[in-house]
Amino acid sequence: MKHWIQAARVRTLPLSVSGILVGSFYALANPTQDILTPTQVFNWKIFSLLLSTTIGLQVLSNFANDYGDGMKGTDNEDRVGPKRAIQSGVISPQAMKKAIIITSFLTFMSSVLLVYFSFRYKHLYYSLFFLVLGVAAIASAIRYTVGKGAYGYKGYGDVFVFIFFGFVSTFGSYFLFTKEVNWMLFLPSTAIGFLSVGVLNLNNMRDEESDRKSGKNTLVVKKGGAWAKKYHFFLVISAMVLMLVFAAINDFTTDGVFNFDQYFFVVAYFPLTSHLLTVKRNANPKLLDPELKKLALSTFVLCILLSMCLIFFLSDLVVNNN
């Protein structure tokens, strides 16, 4: 059990649910709804199934990455991070393959239940679309490193992470509650997508040498470490700016006066800034491994705090309406 928990890479799970939190709580606090009866929009069953489906996809991706990189020999003695299960021999390739199949099935069933409780017998086209999206997400989680055409080995990982961790998780979760698209979420979804890509980019910066030797052509391998640093700064700083613009446009305060409580999420900018300074000073990419956890947790904390600000915004509106 210990080895399976390690293979699931629990430390990656908070990042995977970050977009879900923002999209869900924006549905709860969305001022276009009847603010006095927000529970008509927000549903705990849908929220729970969103979390279980997303966590299932992340665990599936981690199992598939362990299997794909292990079978291709990418996980070798040159790898800097913690040893993978197949690489160290604690889990056999056959057992991991079975785990991938089982996790795929459980995740698909969770997505089916999610679609059912979101739409019931209404909105057939929406149901079909989200079922197809669920299958696509499962396939993407597996195909990142598994198979001859693994897109992670061709430098397309950044695109898929941005789409699924950013737009699909944030826009998708909001839509499942409200049955409508709110383009205001373009800002936080892009920010979360950028930060998620930043985690991947940091991982690829750390593994640049071993990835180049094994033929894993990530963007870092293609463009080089110097470019990757500039790219990383663009991702993180742009995300921080987008979150601030989102808060300002929404005007979290109801009386037009600046209220720091509604911008409390900027607390997460301190570890993000510290992270950027560490990356700037770094001369040995292999020493960037601790920064992966820092950036992932900082993103999660940022989304938690933003969600809390949305709840405070909701409370202020209820008080003022009463």
C-alpha atoms as a PDB file:
ATOM      1  CA  MET A   1       0.000   0.000   0.000  1.00  0.00           C
ATOM      2  CA  LYS A   2       2.864   2.378   0.803  1.00  0.00           C
ATOM      3  CA  HIS A   3       4.330   1.914  -2.672  1.00  0.00           C
ATOM      4  CA  TRP A   4       0.979   2.531  -4.362  1.00  0.00           C
ATOM      5  CA  ILE A   5       0.490   5.733  -2.379  1.00  0.00           C
ATOM      6  CA  GLN A   6       3.951   6.846  -3.451  1.00  0.00           C
ATOM      7  CA  ALA A   7       3.153   5.968  -7.075  1.00  0.00           C
ATOM      8  CA  ALA A   8      -0.048   8.025  -6.842  1.00  0.00           C
ATOM      9  CA  ARG A   9       2.185  11.018  -5.948  1.00  0.00           C
ATOM     10  CA  VAL A  10      -0.181  12.560  -3.432  1.00  0.00           C
ATOM     11  CA  ARG A  11       1.721  15.860  -3.466  1.00  0.00           C
ATOM     12  CA  THR A  12       0.393  16.532  -7.001  1.00  0.00           C
ATOM     13  CA  LEU A  13      -3.272  16.257  -6.001  1.00  0.00           C
ATOM     14  CA  PRO A  14      -3.806  19.764  -4.510  1.00  0.00           C
ATOM     15  CA  LEU A  15      -2.705  21.389  -7.779  1.00  0.00           C
ATOM     16  CA  SER A  16      -5.138  19.265  -9.781  1.00  0.00           C
ATOM     17  CA  VAL A  17      -8.183  20.528  -7.828  1.00  0.00           C
ATOM     18  CA  SER A  18      -7.216  24.216  -7.837  1.00  0.00           C
ATOM     19  CA  GLY A  19      -9.343  25.093 -10.868  1.00  0.00           C
ATOM     20  CA  ILE A  20     -12.255  23.087  -9.474  1.00  0.00           C
ATOM     21  CA  LEU A  21     -12.250  25.186  -6.297  1.00  0.00           C
ATOM     22  CA  VAL A  22     -12.305  28.520  -8.117  1.00  0.00           C
ATOM     23  CA  GLY A  23     -14.935  27.485 -10.666  1.00  0.00           C
ATOM     24  CA  SER A  24     -17.177  25.936  -8.010  1.00  0.00           C
ATOM     25  CA  PHE A  25     -17.035  28.798  -5.530  1.00  0.00           C
ATOM     26  CA  TYR A  26     -17.474  31.360  -8.264  1.00  0.00           C
ATOM     27  CA  ALA A  27     -20.713  29.535  -9.075  1.00  0.00           C
ATOM     28  CA  LEU A  28     -21.653  29.847  -5.401  1.00  0.00           C
ATOM     29  CA  ALA A  29     -20.799  33.553  -5.250  1.00  0.00           C
ATOM     30  CA  ASN A  30     -21.806  34.533  -8.788  1.00  0.00           C
ATOM     31  CA  PRO A  31     -23.793  37.796  -8.475  1.00  0.00           C
ATOM     32  CA  THR A  32     -25.799  37.022 -11.640  1.00  0.00           C
ATOM     33  CA  GLN A  33     -27.659  34.355  -9.674  1.00  0.00           C
ATOM     34  CA  ASP A  34     -30.279  34.884  -6.976  1.00  0.00           C
ATOM     35  CA  ILE A  35     -27.826  35.742  -4.226  1.00  0.00           C
ATOM     36  CA  LEU A  36     -30.358  35.052  -1.464  1.00  0.00           C
ATOM     37  CA  THR A  37     -30.704  31.409  -2.486  1.00  0.00           C
ATOM     38  CA  PRO A  38     -27.210  30.401  -3.675  1.00  0.00           C
ATOM     39  CA  THR A  39     -27.761  26.724  -2.838  1.00  0.00           C
ATOM     40  CA  GLN A  40     -30.044  26.499  -5.880  1.00  0.00           C
ATOM     41  CA  VAL A  41     -26.867  26.836  -7.935  1.00  0.00           C
ATOM     42  CA  PHE A  42     -24.225  25.162  -5.766  1.00  0.00           C
ATOM     43  CA  ASN A  43     -24.637  21.435  -5.134  1.00  0.00           C
ATOM     44  CA  TRP A  44     -22.407  19.430  -2.800  1.00  0.00           C
ATOM     45  CA  LYS A  45     -22.954  16.196  -4.736  1.00  0.00           C
ATOM     46  CA  ILE A  46     -21.672  17.825  -7.897  1.00  0.00           C
ATOM     47  CA  PHE A  47     -18.756  19.370  -6.006  1.00  0.00           C
ATOM     48  CA  SER A  48     -17.801  16.021  -4.430  1.00  0.00           C
ATOM     49  CA  LEU A  49     -17.944  14.243  -7.780  1.00  0.00           C
ATOM     50  CA  LEU A  50     -15.895  17.007  -9.385  1.00  0.00           C
ATOM     51  CA  LEU A  51     -13.194  16.406  -6.788  1.00  0.00           C
ATOM     52  CA  SER A  52     -13.292  12.608  -7.114  1.00  0.00           C
ATOM     53  CA  THR A  53     -13.168  12.746 -10.925  1.00  0.00           C
ATOM     54  CA  THR A  54     -10.310  15.237 -10.964  1.00  0.00           C
ATOM     55  CA  ILE A  55      -8.302  13.343  -8.347  1.00  0.00           C
ATOM     56  CA  GLY A  56      -8.943  10.137 -10.290  1.00  0.00           C
ATOM     57  CA  LEU A  57      -7.577  11.749 -13.447  1.00  0.00           C
ATOM     58  CA  GLN A  58      -4.482  12.981 -11.634  1.00  0.00           C
ATOM     59  CA  VAL A  59      -3.760   9.606 -10.049  1.00  0.00           C
ATOM     60  CA  LEU A  60      -4.324   7.963 -13.425  1.00  0.00           C
ATOM     61  CA  SER A  61      -1.875  10.390 -15.016  1.00  0.00           C
ATOM     62  CA  ASN A  62       0.708   9.654 -12.334  1.00  0.00           C
ATOM     63  CA  PHE A  63       0.342   5.888 -12.775  1.00  0.00           C
ATOM     64  CA  ALA A  64       0.548   6.259 -16.554  1.00  0.00           C
ATOM     65  CA  ASN A  65       3.640   8.491 -16.305  1.00  0.00           C
ATOM     66  CA  ASP A  66       5.310   5.940 -14.059  1.00  0.00           C
ATOM     67  CA  TYR A  67       4.485   3.177 -16.533  1.00  0.00           C
ATOM     68  CA  GLY A  68       5.306   5.110 -19.721  1.00  0.00           C
ATOM     69  CA  ASP A  69       8.596   6.610 -18.542  1.00  0.00           C
ATOM     70  CA  GLY A  70       9.565   3.323 -16.894  1.00  0.00           C
ATOM     71  CA  MET A  71       8.965   1.264 -20.024  1.00  0.00           C
ATOM     72  CA  LYS A  72      10.773   3.800 -22.232  1.00  0.00           C
ATOM     73  CA  GLY A  73      13.773   3.938 -19.916  1.00  0.00           C
ATOM     74  CA  THR A  74      13.340   7.639 -19.233  1.00  0.00           C
ATOM     75  CA  ASP A  75      13.329   6.941 -15.511  1.00  0.00           C
ATOM     76  CA  ASN A  76      16.975   5.985 -15.027  1.00  0.00           C
ATOM     77  CA  GLU A  77      19.948   6.787 -12.824  1.00  0.00           C
ATOM     78  CA  ASP A  78      20.119  10.298 -14.307  1.00  0.00           C
ATOM     79  CA  ARG A  79      16.672  11.229 -13.001  1.00  0.00           C
ATOM     80  CA  VAL A  80      16.825  13.809 -10.201  1.00  0.00           C
ATOM     81  CA  GLY A  81      13.437  13.526  -8.486  1.00  0.00           C
ATOM     82  CA  PRO A  82      12.147  10.738  -6.260  1.00  0.00           C
ATOM     83  CA  LYS A  83      12.407   7.292  -7.798  1.00  0.00           C
ATOM     84  CA  ARG A  84       9.319   5.996  -9.566  1.00  0.00           C
ATOM     85  CA  ALA A  85       7.711   2.672  -8.672  1.00  0.00           C
ATOM     86  CA  ILE A  86       8.635   0.765 -11.846  1.00  0.00           C
ATOM     87  CA  GLN A  87      12.102   2.321 -11.917  1.00  0.00           C
ATOM     88  CA  SER A  88      12.848   1.098  -8.392  1.00  0.00           C
ATOM     89  CA  GLY A  89      11.182  -2.277  -8.969  1.00  0.00           C
ATOM     90  CA  VAL A  90       8.682  -2.058  -6.100  1.00  0.00           C
ATOM     91  CA  ILE A  91       5.759  -2.353  -8.544  1.00  0.00           C
ATOM     92  CA  SER A  92       5.891  -4.480 -11.680  1.00  0.00           C
ATOM     93  CA  PRO A  93       4.870  -3.129 -15.109  1.00  0.00           C
ATOM     94  CA  GLN A  94       2.026  -5.682 -15.239  1.00  0.00           C
ATOM     95  CA  ALA A  95       0.632  -4.543 -11.887  1.00  0.00           C
ATOM     96  CA  MET A  96       0.890  -0.888 -12.919  1.00  0.00           C
ATOM     97  CA  LYS A  97      -0.900  -1.613 -16.180  1.00  0.00           C
ATOM     98  CA  LYS A  98      -3.772  -3.213 -14.241  1.00  0.00           C
ATOM     99  CA  ALA A  99      -3.856  -0.210 -11.918  1.00  0.00           C
ATOM    100  CA  ILE A 100      -4.154   2.095 -14.941  1.00  0.00           C
ATOM    101  CA  ILE A 101      -7.115   0.108 -16.255  1.00  0.00           C
ATOM    102  CA  ILE A 102      -8.871   0.028 -12.870  1.00  0.00           C
ATOM    103  CA  THR A 103      -8.258   3.735 -12.224  1.00  0.00           C
ATOM    104  CA  SER A 104      -9.530   4.579 -15.725  1.00  0.00           C
ATOM    105  CA  PHE A 105     -12.741   2.652 -15.070  1.00  0.00           C
ATOM    106  CA  LEU A 106     -13.332   4.223 -11.648  1.00  0.00           C
ATOM    107  CA  THR A 107     -12.635   7.698 -12.996  1.00  0.00           C
ATOM    108  CA  PHE A 108     -15.003   7.164 -15.907  1.00  0.00           C
ATOM    109  CA  MET A 109     -17.760   5.983 -13.558  1.00  0.00           C
ATOM    110  CA  SER A 110     -17.210   9.056 -11.383  1.00  0.00           C
ATOM    111  CA  SER A 111     -17.515  11.266 -14.476  1.00  0.00           C
ATOM    112  CA  VAL A 112     -20.738   9.500 -15.497  1.00  0.00           C
ATOM    113  CA  LEU A 113     -22.240  10.145 -12.065  1.00  0.00           C
ATOM    114  CA  LEU A 114     -21.034  13.754 -12.261  1.00  0.00           C
ATOM    115  CA  VAL A 115     -22.805  14.278 -15.584  1.00  0.00           C
ATOM    116  CA  TYR A 116     -25.951  12.578 -14.304  1.00  0.00           C
ATOM    117  CA  PHE A 117     -26.263  14.680 -11.146  1.00  0.00           C
ATOM    118  CA  SER A 118     -25.441  17.837 -13.109  1.00  0.00           C
ATOM    119  CA  PHE A 119     -27.963  17.432 -15.929  1.00  0.00           C
ATOM    120  CA  ARG A 120     -30.254  14.539 -14.916  1.00  0.00           C
ATOM    121  CA  TYR A 121     -32.488  13.871 -17.939  1.00  0.00           C
ATOM    122  CA  LYS A 122     -32.233  17.398 -19.282  1.00  0.00           C
ATOM    123  CA  HIS A 123     -29.692  18.953 -21.647  1.00  0.00           C
ATOM    124  CA  LEU A 124     -28.823  15.799 -23.606  1.00  0.00           C
ATOM    125  CA  TYR A 125     -26.242  17.605 -25.722  1.00  0.00           C
ATOM    126  CA  TYR A 126     -24.481  18.929 -22.621  1.00  0.00           C
ATOM    127  CA  SER A 127     -24.408  15.430 -21.148  1.00  0.00           C
ATOM    128  CA  LEU A 128     -22.913  13.944 -24.304  1.00  0.00           C
ATOM    129  CA  PHE A 129     -20.350  16.731 -24.551  1.00  0.00           C
ATOM    130  CA  PHE A 130     -19.117  16.254 -20.985  1.00  0.00           C
ATOM    131  CA  LEU A 131     -19.024  12.476 -21.358  1.00  0.00           C
ATOM    132  CA  VAL A 132     -16.844  12.867 -24.453  1.00  0.00           C
ATOM    133  CA  LEU A 133     -14.741  15.396 -22.558  1.00  0.00           C
ATOM    134  CA  GLY A 134     -14.310  12.892 -19.731  1.00  0.00           C
ATOM    135  CA  VAL A 135     -13.141  10.188 -22.127  1.00  0.00           C
ATOM    136  CA  ALA A 136     -10.762  12.684 -23.761  1.00  0.00           C
ATOM    137  CA  ALA A 137      -9.351  13.626 -20.345  1.00  0.00           C
ATOM    138  CA  ILE A 138      -8.758   9.957 -19.481  1.00  0.00           C
ATOM    139  CA  ALA A 139      -7.080   9.345 -22.836  1.00  0.00           C
ATOM    140  CA  SER A 140      -4.916  12.445 -22.427  1.00  0.00           C
ATOM    141  CA  ALA A 141      -3.846  11.377 -18.938  1.00  0.00           C
ATOM    142  CA  ILE A 142      -2.637   8.058 -20.322  1.00  0.00           C
ATOM    143  CA  ARG A 143      -1.171   9.202 -23.634  1.00  0.00           C
ATOM    144  CA  TYR A 144       1.128  11.795 -22.063  1.00  0.00           C
ATOM    145  CA  THR A 145       3.916   9.222 -21.772  1.00  0.00           C
ATOM    146  CA  VAL A 146       2.374   5.884 -22.831  1.00  0.00           C
ATOM    147  CA  GLY A 147       2.692   4.576 -26.378  1.00  0.00           C
ATOM    148  CA  LYS A 148       4.810   5.454 -29.396  1.00  0.00           C
ATOM    149  CA  GLY A 149       2.857   8.646 -30.042  1.00  0.00           C
ATOM    150  CA  ALA A 150       3.096   9.946 -26.453  1.00  0.00           C
ATOM    151  CA  TYR A 151       2.590  13.700 -26.776  1.00  0.00           C
ATOM    152  CA  GLY A 152       4.728  14.460 -23.724  1.00  0.00           C
ATOM    153  CA  TYR A 153       7.741  13.261 -25.713  1.00  0.00           C
ATOM    154  CA  LYS A 154       6.967  15.713 -28.513  1.00  0.00           C
ATOM    155  CA  GLY A 155       6.735  18.879 -26.444  1.00  0.00           C
ATOM    156  CA  TYR A 156       2.939  19.157 -26.322  1.00  0.00           C
ATOM    157  CA  GLY A 157       2.553  18.552 -22.603  1.00  0.00           C
ATOM    158  CA  ASP A 158       2.320  22.267 -21.850  1.00  0.00           C
ATOM    159  CA  VAL A 159      -0.682  22.690 -24.145  1.00  0.00           C
ATOM    160  CA  PHE A 160      -2.641  19.820 -22.622  1.00  0.00           C
ATOM    161  CA  VAL A 161      -1.855  20.866 -19.034  1.00  0.00           C
ATOM    162  CA  PHE A 162      -2.963  24.423 -19.791  1.00  0.00           C
ATOM    163  CA  ILE A 163      -6.243  23.257 -21.349  1.00  0.00           C
ATOM    164  CA  PHE A 164      -7.252  20.637 -18.783  1.00  0.00           C
ATOM    165  CA  PHE A 165      -5.869  22.177 -15.575  1.00  0.00           C
ATOM    166  CA  GLY A 166      -6.915  25.685 -16.565  1.00  0.00           C
ATOM    167  CA  PHE A 167      -9.924  25.976 -18.840  1.00  0.00           C
ATOM    168  CA  VAL A 168     -11.575  22.577 -18.488  1.00  0.00           C
ATOM    169  CA  SER A 169     -11.361  22.444 -14.686  1.00  0.00           C
ATOM    170  CA  THR A 170     -12.411  26.062 -14.054  1.00  0.00           C
ATOM    171  CA  PHE A 171     -14.926  26.694 -16.844  1.00  0.00           C
ATOM    172  CA  GLY A 172     -16.168  23.109 -16.724  1.00  0.00           C
ATOM    173  CA  SER A 173     -16.873  23.062 -12.995  1.00  0.00           C
ATOM    174  CA  TYR A 174     -18.698  26.404 -13.173  1.00  0.00           C
ATOM    175  CA  PHE A 175     -20.807  25.213 -16.117  1.00  0.00           C
ATOM    176  CA  LEU A 176     -21.810  21.994 -14.371  1.00  0.00           C
ATOM    177  CA  PHE A 177     -23.391  24.096 -11.616  1.00  0.00           C
ATOM    178  CA  THR A 178     -24.895  26.947 -13.603  1.00  0.00           C
ATOM    179  CA  LYS A 179     -25.421  25.527 -17.139  1.00  0.00           C
ATOM    180  CA  GLU A 180     -23.943  28.713 -18.530  1.00  0.00           C
ATOM    181  CA  VAL A 181     -20.579  30.115 -19.585  1.00  0.00           C
ATOM    182  CA  ASN A 182     -19.223  33.104 -17.684  1.00  0.00           C
ATOM    183  CA  TRP A 183     -16.371  34.653 -19.655  1.00  0.00           C
ATOM    184  CA  MET A 184     -15.106  36.414 -16.542  1.00  0.00           C
ATOM    185  CA  LEU A 185     -13.580  33.038 -15.610  1.00  0.00           C
ATOM    186  CA  PHE A 186     -11.211  33.402 -18.567  1.00  0.00           C
ATOM    187  CA  LEU A 187      -8.897  35.354 -16.250  1.00  0.00           C
ATOM    188  CA  PRO A 188      -8.534  32.912 -13.314  1.00  0.00           C
ATOM    189  CA  SER A 189      -8.674  29.851 -15.591  1.00  0.00           C
ATOM    190  CA  THR A 190      -5.795  31.242 -17.651  1.00  0.00           C
ATOM    191  CA  ALA A 191      -3.894  32.070 -14.451  1.00  0.00           C
ATOM    192  CA  ILE A 192      -4.361  28.565 -13.032  1.00  0.00           C
ATOM    193  CA  GLY A 193      -3.423  27.069 -16.392  1.00  0.00           C
ATOM    194  CA  PHE A 194      -0.228  29.157 -16.470  1.00  0.00           C
ATOM    195  CA  LEU A 195       0.750  28.133 -12.927  1.00  0.00           C
ATOM    196  CA  SER A 196       0.064  24.458 -13.705  1.00  0.00           C
ATOM    197  CA  VAL A 197       2.214  24.698 -16.820  1.00  0.00           C
ATOM    198  CA  GLY A 198       4.820  26.380 -14.611  1.00  0.00           C
ATOM    199  CA  VAL A 199       4.972  23.247 -12.444  1.00  0.00           C
ATOM    200  CA  LEU A 200       5.449  21.112 -15.551  1.00  0.00           C
ATOM    201  CA  ASN A 201       8.070  23.508 -16.920  1.00  0.00           C
ATOM    202  CA  LEU A 202       9.946  23.391 -13.616  1.00  0.00           C
ATOM    203  CA  ASN A 203       9.862  19.601 -13.730  1.00  0.00           C
ATOM    204  CA  ASN A 204      11.219  19.671 -17.292  1.00  0.00           C
ATOM    205  CA  MET A 205      13.936  22.163 -16.324  1.00  0.00           C
ATOM    206  CA  ARG A 206      15.033  19.824 -13.567  1.00  0.00           C
ATOM    207  CA  ASP A 207      15.056  16.812 -15.913  1.00  0.00           C
ATOM    208  CA  GLU A 208      16.488  18.547 -18.993  1.00  0.00           C
ATOM    209  CA  GLU A 209      19.682  16.509 -19.066  1.00  0.00           C
ATOM    210  CA  SER A 210      18.085  13.098 -18.544  1.00  0.00           C
ATOM    211  CA  ASP A 211      15.177  13.902 -20.895  1.00  0.00           C
ATOM    212  CA  ARG A 212      17.593  14.870 -23.671  1.00  0.00           C
ATOM    213  CA  LYS A 213      19.498  11.605 -23.284  1.00  0.00           C
ATOM    214  CA  SER A 214      16.313   9.513 -23.375  1.00  0.00           C
ATOM    215  CA  GLY A 215      14.756  11.345 -26.340  1.00  0.00           C
ATOM    216  CA  LYS A 216      11.974  13.053 -24.390  1.00  0.00           C
ATOM    217  CA  ASN A 217      11.740  16.287 -26.369  1.00  0.00           C
ATOM    218  CA  THR A 218      10.019  18.628 -23.943  1.00  0.00           C
ATOM    219  CA  LEU A 219       9.924  22.354 -24.662  1.00  0.00           C
ATOM    220  CA  VAL A 220      12.889  22.778 -22.324  1.00  0.00           C
ATOM    221  CA  VAL A 221      14.904  20.247 -24.330  1.00  0.00           C
ATOM    222  CA  LYS A 222      13.886  21.934 -27.587  1.00  0.00           C
ATOM    223  CA  LYS A 223      14.423  25.552 -26.493  1.00  0.00           C
ATOM    224  CA  GLY A 224      17.095  25.273 -23.807  1.00  0.00           C
ATOM    225  CA  GLY A 225      17.380  26.165 -20.131  1.00  0.00           C
ATOM    226  CA  ALA A 226      17.849  29.934 -20.613  1.00  0.00           C
ATOM    227  CA  TRP A 227      14.617  30.160 -22.603  1.00  0.00           C
ATOM    228  CA  ALA A 228      12.846  27.984 -20.032  1.00  0.00           C
ATOM    229  CA  LYS A 229      13.681  30.471 -17.249  1.00  0.00           C
ATOM    230  CA  LYS A 230      12.179  33.381 -19.191  1.00  0.00           C
ATOM    231  CA  TYR A 231       9.164  31.233 -20.044  1.00  0.00           C
ATOM    232  CA  HIS A 232       8.756  30.360 -16.372  1.00  0.00           C
ATOM    233  CA  PHE A 233       8.811  34.006 -15.303  1.00  0.00           C
ATOM    234  CA  PHE A 234       6.202  34.811 -17.964  1.00  0.00           C
ATOM    235  CA  LEU A 235       3.905  32.054 -16.708  1.00  0.00           C
ATOM    236  CA  VAL A 236       4.040  32.906 -13.002  1.00  0.00           C
ATOM    237  CA  ILE A 237       4.019  36.708 -13.273  1.00  0.00           C
ATOM    238  CA  SER A 238       1.207  36.671 -15.859  1.00  0.00           C
ATOM    239  CA  ALA A 239      -0.854  34.451 -13.543  1.00  0.00           C
ATOM    240  CA  MET A 240      -0.382  36.848 -10.634  1.00  0.00           C
ATOM    241  CA  VAL A 241      -1.434  39.826 -12.754  1.00  0.00           C
ATOM    242  CA  LEU A 242      -4.490  38.014 -14.162  1.00  0.00           C
ATOM    243  CA  MET A 243      -5.734  37.128 -10.673  1.00  0.00           C
ATOM    244  CA  LEU A 244      -5.489  40.771  -9.604  1.00  0.00           C
ATOM    245  CA  VAL A 245      -7.337  41.929 -12.733  1.00  0.00           C
ATOM    246  CA  PHE A 246     -10.058  39.347 -12.039  1.00  0.00           C
ATOM    247  CA  ALA A 247     -10.543  40.673  -8.495  1.00  0.00           C
ATOM    248  CA  ALA A 248     -10.532  44.302  -9.628  1.00  0.00           C
ATOM    249  CA  ILE A 249     -13.064  43.758 -12.433  1.00  0.00           C
ATOM    250  CA  ASN A 250     -15.397  41.819 -10.148  1.00  0.00           C
ATOM    251  CA  ASP A 251     -15.129  44.599  -7.556  1.00  0.00           C
ATOM    252  CA  PHE A 252     -15.361  42.273  -4.577  1.00  0.00           C
ATOM    253  CA  THR A 253     -16.407  45.158  -2.340  1.00  0.00           C
ATOM    254  CA  THR A 254     -20.045  46.205  -2.463  1.00  0.00           C
ATOM    255  CA  ASP A 255     -19.602  49.878  -1.583  1.00  0.00           C
ATOM    256  CA  GLY A 256     -16.835  50.666  -4.059  1.00  0.00           C
ATOM    257  CA  VAL A 257     -14.269  51.116  -1.267  1.00  0.00           C
ATOM    258  CA  PHE A 258     -11.126  48.988  -1.287  1.00  0.00           C
ATOM    259  CA  ASN A 259     -11.331  46.240   1.311  1.00  0.00           C
ATOM    260  CA  PHE A 260      -8.183  44.194   1.869  1.00  0.00           C
ATOM    261  CA  ASP A 261     -10.233  41.236   3.140  1.00  0.00           C
ATOM    262  CA  GLN A 262     -11.501  40.701  -0.390  1.00  0.00           C
ATOM    263  CA  TYR A 263      -7.943  40.674  -1.755  1.00  0.00           C
ATOM    264  CA  PHE A 264      -6.483  38.417   0.892  1.00  0.00           C
ATOM    265  CA  PHE A 265      -5.404  35.938  -1.810  1.00  0.00           C
ATOM    266  CA  VAL A 266      -2.357  38.160  -2.507  1.00  0.00           C
ATOM    267  CA  VAL A 267      -0.783  36.546   0.564  1.00  0.00           C
ATOM    268  CA  ALA A 268       0.051  33.645  -1.764  1.00  0.00           C
ATOM    269  CA  TYR A 269       2.129  36.038  -3.866  1.00  0.00           C
ATOM    270  CA  PHE A 270       4.887  36.042  -1.236  1.00  0.00           C
ATOM    271  CA  PRO A 271       5.895  32.374  -1.704  1.00  0.00           C
ATOM    272  CA  LEU A 272       5.420  32.785  -5.457  1.00  0.00           C
ATOM    273  CA  THR A 273       7.814  35.743  -5.467  1.00  0.00           C
ATOM    274  CA  SER A 274      10.278  33.809  -3.304  1.00  0.00           C
ATOM    275  CA  HIS A 275      10.021  30.936  -5.776  1.00  0.00           C
ATOM    276  CA  LEU A 276      10.815  33.210  -8.727  1.00  0.00           C
ATOM    277  CA  LEU A 277      13.873  34.609  -6.957  1.00  0.00           C
ATOM    278  CA  THR A 278      15.124  31.073  -6.307  1.00  0.00           C
ATOM    279  CA  VAL A 279      14.656  30.122  -9.957  1.00  0.00           C
ATOM    280  CA  LYS A 280      16.418  33.308 -11.081  1.00  0.00           C
ATOM    281  CA  ARG A 281      19.461  32.605  -8.917  1.00  0.00           C
ATOM    282  CA  ASN A 282      19.604  28.901  -9.775  1.00  0.00           C
ATOM    283  CA  ALA A 283      22.589  27.711 -11.789  1.00  0.00           C
ATOM    284  CA  ASN A 284      22.018  23.973 -11.429  1.00  0.00           C
ATOM    285  CA  PRO A 285      18.573  22.778 -12.666  1.00  0.00           C
ATOM    286  CA  LYS A 286      18.916  19.580 -10.631  1.00  0.00           C
ATOM    287  CA  LEU A 287      18.503  21.660  -7.455  1.00  0.00           C
ATOM    288  CA  LEU A 288      15.057  22.873  -8.524  1.00  0.00           C
ATOM    289  CA  ASP A 289      13.242  19.775  -7.241  1.00  0.00           C
ATOM    290  CA  PRO A 290      12.072  21.382  -3.933  1.00  0.00           C
ATOM    291  CA  GLU A 291      10.602  24.273  -5.922  1.00  0.00           C
ATOM    292  CA  LEU A 292       8.093  21.914  -7.561  1.00  0.00           C
ATOM    293  CA  LYS A 293       6.318  21.400  -4.263  1.00  0.00           C
ATOM    294  CA  LYS A 294       6.546  25.100  -3.398  1.00  0.00           C
ATOM    295  CA  LEU A 295       4.959  26.225  -6.671  1.00  0.00           C
ATOM    296  CA  ALA A 296       2.251  23.554  -6.604  1.00  0.00           C
ATOM    297  CA  LEU A 297       1.246  24.300  -3.007  1.00  0.00           C
ATOM    298  CA  SER A 298       1.425  28.057  -3.587  1.00  0.00           C
ATOM    299  CA  THR A 299      -1.006  27.660  -6.488  1.00  0.00           C
ATOM    300  CA  PHE A 300      -3.338  25.599  -4.305  1.00  0.00           C
ATOM    301  CA  VAL A 301      -3.169  28.147  -1.467  1.00  0.00           C
ATOM    302  CA  LEU A 302      -3.806  30.971  -3.932  1.00  0.00           C
ATOM    303  CA  CYS A 303      -6.967  29.239  -5.172  1.00  0.00           C
ATOM    304  CA  ILE A 304      -8.118  28.420  -1.636  1.00  0.00           C
ATOM    305  CA  LEU A 305      -7.707  32.063  -0.590  1.00  0.00           C
ATOM    306  CA  LEU A 306      -9.422  33.335  -3.739  1.00  0.00           C
ATOM    307  CA  SER A 307     -12.322  30.963  -3.052  1.00  0.00           C
ATOM    308  CA  MET A 308     -12.553  32.338   0.496  1.00  0.00           C
ATOM    309  CA  CYS A 309     -12.642  35.876  -0.905  1.00  0.00           C
ATOM    310  CA  LEU A 310     -15.515  34.827  -3.154  1.00  0.00           C
ATOM    311  CA  ILE A 311     -17.393  33.471  -0.128  1.00  0.00           C
ATOM    312  CA  PHE A 312     -16.823  36.734   1.776  1.00  0.00           C
ATOM    313  CA  PHE A 313     -18.095  38.580  -1.280  1.00  0.00           C
ATOM    314  CA  LEU A 314     -21.228  36.421  -1.179  1.00  0.00           C
ATOM    315  CA  SER A 315     -21.713  37.123   2.542  1.00  0.00           C
ATOM    316  CA  ASP A 316     -21.423  40.880   2.007  1.00  0.00           C
ATOM    317  CA  LEU A 317     -24.033  40.784  -0.717  1.00  0.00           C
ATOM    318  CA  VAL A 318     -26.451  38.771   1.415  1.00  0.00           C
ATOM    319  CA  VAL A 319     -26.046  41.196   4.346  1.00  0.00           C
ATOM    320  CA  ASN A 320     -26.580  44.219   2.115  1.00  0.00           C
ATOM    321  CA  ASN A 321     -29.621  42.650   0.428  1.00  0.00           C
ATOM    322  CA  ASN A 322     -31.175  41.987   3.798  1.00  0.00           C
END
